[in-house]
Amino acid sequence: MSSYSLLIKALIYGRATKFALEHALLVAIQETPGLSRRSDLPFATIEVEMLANLCTLLDLKAVRLLQRREDVLAHLRACKIFHFAGHGRSDPLDPAQSCLLLED
């Protein structure tokens, strides 16, 4: 399910209300380790670059190029907006075991 339209609405709202945001964490995982080549997301990086350009219009500092769990978690605590262009795994029996698939 794409969250892209929700992010755009949030960015537009932030701009319209002069919402004081500082950091936007933007993560693109074009090739997910352990998944087949058919699962690659060739436009993930382009999507994040486009969003980074929108962030500058909103006076947000875009934090990018993080693809490892430790780095994402460290920056996630300080960001106001998080956008992930990649794959995830859901566990319908134990939703707490659902996760985003990062480089590691």
C-alpha atoms as a PDB file:
ATOM      1  CA  MET A   1       0.000   0.000   0.000  1.00  0.00           C
ATOM      2  CA  SER A   2       1.454   3.358  -0.957  1.00  0.00           C
ATOM      3  CA  SER A   3       1.704   6.083   1.650  1.00  0.00           C
ATOM      4  CA  TYR A   4       2.900   8.552  -0.966  1.00  0.00           C
ATOM      5  CA  SER A   5      -0.345  10.543  -1.213  1.00  0.00           C
ATOM      6  CA  LEU A   6      -0.539  10.873   2.559  1.00  0.00           C
ATOM      7  CA  LEU A   7       3.002  12.264   2.678  1.00  0.00           C
ATOM      8  CA  ILE A   8       2.250  14.830  -0.022  1.00  0.00           C
ATOM      9  CA  LYS A   9      -0.863  15.937   1.896  1.00  0.00           C
ATOM     10  CA  ALA A  10       1.236  16.309   5.053  1.00  0.00           C
ATOM     11  CA  LEU A  11       3.857  18.368   3.220  1.00  0.00           C
ATOM     12  CA  ILE A  12       1.186  20.617   1.706  1.00  0.00           C
ATOM     13  CA  TYR A  13      -0.442  21.042   5.122  1.00  0.00           C
ATOM     14  CA  GLY A  14       2.919  21.852   6.681  1.00  0.00           C
ATOM     15  CA  ARG A  15       3.616  24.489   4.080  1.00  0.00           C
ATOM     16  CA  ALA A  16       0.142  26.030   4.325  1.00  0.00           C
ATOM     17  CA  THR A  17       0.237  26.293   8.108  1.00  0.00           C
ATOM     18  CA  LYS A  18       3.939  27.167   8.442  1.00  0.00           C
ATOM     19  CA  PHE A  19       4.250  24.101  10.660  1.00  0.00           C
ATOM     20  CA  ALA A  20       7.679  24.232  12.292  1.00  0.00           C
ATOM     21  CA  LEU A  21       9.356  21.006  11.198  1.00  0.00           C
ATOM     22  CA  GLU A  22      13.071  20.412  11.287  1.00  0.00           C
ATOM     23  CA  HIS A  23      14.059  17.010   9.886  1.00  0.00           C
ATOM     24  CA  ALA A  24      12.550  14.629   7.377  1.00  0.00           C
ATOM     25  CA  LEU A  25      14.007  11.112   7.327  1.00  0.00           C
ATOM     26  CA  LEU A  26      13.815   9.764   3.778  1.00  0.00           C
ATOM     27  CA  VAL A  27      14.849   6.149   3.190  1.00  0.00           C
ATOM     28  CA  ALA A  28      15.039   4.430  -0.209  1.00  0.00           C
ATOM     29  CA  ILE A  29      15.774   0.713  -0.502  1.00  0.00           C
ATOM     30  CA  GLN A  30      15.975   0.047  -4.222  1.00  0.00           C
ATOM     31  CA  GLU A  31      17.363  -3.500  -3.897  1.00  0.00           C
ATOM     32  CA  THR A  32      16.296  -5.449  -0.820  1.00  0.00           C
ATOM     33  CA  PRO A  33      18.757  -8.159   0.250  1.00  0.00           C
ATOM     34  CA  GLY A  34      17.135 -11.587   0.298  1.00  0.00           C
ATOM     35  CA  LEU A  35      14.396 -10.726  -2.192  1.00  0.00           C
ATOM     36  CA  SER A  36      14.424 -11.638  -5.870  1.00  0.00           C
ATOM     37  CA  ARG A  37      15.477  -9.158  -8.546  1.00  0.00           C
ATOM     38  CA  ARG A  38      11.813  -8.989  -9.572  1.00  0.00           C
ATOM     39  CA  SER A  39      11.182  -7.310  -6.214  1.00  0.00           C
ATOM     40  CA  ASP A  40      13.542  -4.391  -6.889  1.00  0.00           C
ATOM     41  CA  LEU A  41      12.053  -0.907  -6.684  1.00  0.00           C
ATOM     42  CA  PRO A  42      13.827   0.957  -9.506  1.00  0.00           C
ATOM     43  CA  PHE A  43      12.167   4.303  -8.721  1.00  0.00           C
ATOM     44  CA  ALA A  44      12.655   4.337  -4.936  1.00  0.00           C
ATOM     45  CA  THR A  45      15.721   6.584  -5.133  1.00  0.00           C
ATOM     46  CA  ILE A  46      14.047   8.963  -7.586  1.00  0.00           C
ATOM     47  CA  GLU A  47      10.998   9.150  -5.303  1.00  0.00           C
ATOM     48  CA  VAL A  48      13.154  10.102  -2.304  1.00  0.00           C
ATOM     49  CA  GLU A  49      15.067  12.701  -4.322  1.00  0.00           C
ATOM     50  CA  MET A  50      11.791  14.299  -5.393  1.00  0.00           C
ATOM     51  CA  LEU A  51      10.626  14.417  -1.772  1.00  0.00           C
ATOM     52  CA  ALA A  52      13.969  15.875  -0.678  1.00  0.00           C
ATOM     53  CA  ASN A  53      13.394  18.725  -3.133  1.00  0.00           C
ATOM     54  CA  LEU A  54       9.957  19.324  -1.621  1.00  0.00           C
ATOM     55  CA  CYS A  55      11.498  19.359   1.855  1.00  0.00           C
ATOM     56  CA  THR A  56      13.788  22.236   0.939  1.00  0.00           C
ATOM     57  CA  LEU A  57      10.743  24.250  -0.102  1.00  0.00           C
ATOM     58  CA  LEU A  58       9.338  23.669   3.387  1.00  0.00           C
ATOM     59  CA  ASP A  59      12.583  24.510   5.200  1.00  0.00           C
ATOM     60  CA  LEU A  60      13.049  20.903   6.257  1.00  0.00           C
ATOM     61  CA  LYS A  61      16.431  19.253   6.463  1.00  0.00           C
ATOM     62  CA  ALA A  62      16.194  16.022   4.483  1.00  0.00           C
ATOM     63  CA  VAL A  63      18.213  13.189   6.030  1.00  0.00           C
ATOM     64  CA  ARG A  64      18.885  10.522   3.382  1.00  0.00           C
ATOM     65  CA  LEU A  65      21.126   7.639   2.438  1.00  0.00           C
ATOM     66  CA  LEU A  66      20.436   5.681   5.625  1.00  0.00           C
ATOM     67  CA  GLN A  67      19.708   2.028   4.953  1.00  0.00           C
ATOM     68  CA  ARG A  68      20.831   0.224   8.102  1.00  0.00           C
ATOM     69  CA  ARG A  69      18.630  -0.485  11.124  1.00  0.00           C
ATOM     70  CA  GLU A  70      20.806   1.277  13.703  1.00  0.00           C
ATOM     71  CA  ASP A  71      21.101   4.467  11.614  1.00  0.00           C
ATOM     72  CA  VAL A  72      17.395   4.615  10.795  1.00  0.00           C
ATOM     73  CA  LEU A  73      16.389   4.090  14.432  1.00  0.00           C
ATOM     74  CA  ALA A  74      18.817   6.779  15.616  1.00  0.00           C
ATOM     75  CA  HIS A  75      17.424   9.359  13.200  1.00  0.00           C
ATOM     76  CA  LEU A  76      13.814   8.232  13.549  1.00  0.00           C
ATOM     77  CA  ARG A  77      13.710   9.511  17.112  1.00  0.00           C
ATOM     78  CA  ALA A  78      14.575  13.056  16.004  1.00  0.00           C
ATOM     79  CA  CYS A  79      12.612  13.399  12.763  1.00  0.00           C
ATOM     80  CA  LYS A  80       9.229  15.012  12.284  1.00  0.00           C
ATOM     81  CA  ILE A  81       8.495  13.229   8.987  1.00  0.00           C
ATOM     82  CA  PHE A  82       9.493   9.700   7.969  1.00  0.00           C
ATOM     83  CA  HIS A  83       9.126   8.356   4.432  1.00  0.00           C
ATOM     84  CA  PHE A  84      10.155   4.819   3.525  1.00  0.00           C
ATOM     85  CA  ALA A  85      10.373   3.710  -0.113  1.00  0.00           C
ATOM     86  CA  GLY A  86      10.975  -0.001   0.236  1.00  0.00           C
ATOM     87  CA  HIS A  87       9.506  -3.346   1.195  1.00  0.00           C
ATOM     88  CA  GLY A  88       8.120  -4.477   4.505  1.00  0.00           C
ATOM     89  CA  ARG A  89       7.025  -7.724   6.033  1.00  0.00           C
ATOM     90  CA  SER A  90       3.803  -8.096   7.998  1.00  0.00           C
ATOM     91  CA  ASP A  91       2.877 -10.802  10.442  1.00  0.00           C
ATOM     92  CA  PRO A  92      -0.917 -10.996  10.775  1.00  0.00           C
ATOM     93  CA  LEU A  93      -0.671 -13.361  13.762  1.00  0.00           C
ATOM     94  CA  ASP A  94       1.824 -11.202  15.665  1.00  0.00           C
ATOM     95  CA  PRO A  95       1.819  -7.637  14.292  1.00  0.00           C
ATOM     96  CA  ALA A  96       4.683  -6.708  16.636  1.00  0.00           C
ATOM     97  CA  GLN A  97       6.889  -8.919  14.440  1.00  0.00           C
ATOM     98  CA  SER A  98       6.109  -6.862  11.310  1.00  0.00           C
ATOM     99  CA  CYS A  99       9.036  -4.831  10.009  1.00  0.00           C
ATOM    100  CA  LEU A 100      10.550  -2.707   7.288  1.00  0.00           C
ATOM    101  CA  LEU A 101      13.188  -4.514   5.222  1.00  0.00           C
ATOM    102  CA  LEU A 102      16.433  -2.563   5.346  1.00  0.00           C
ATOM    103  CA  GLU A 103      19.920  -3.308   4.028  1.00  0.00           C
ATOM    104  CA  ASP A 104      20.811  -5.350   7.105  1.00  0.00           C
END
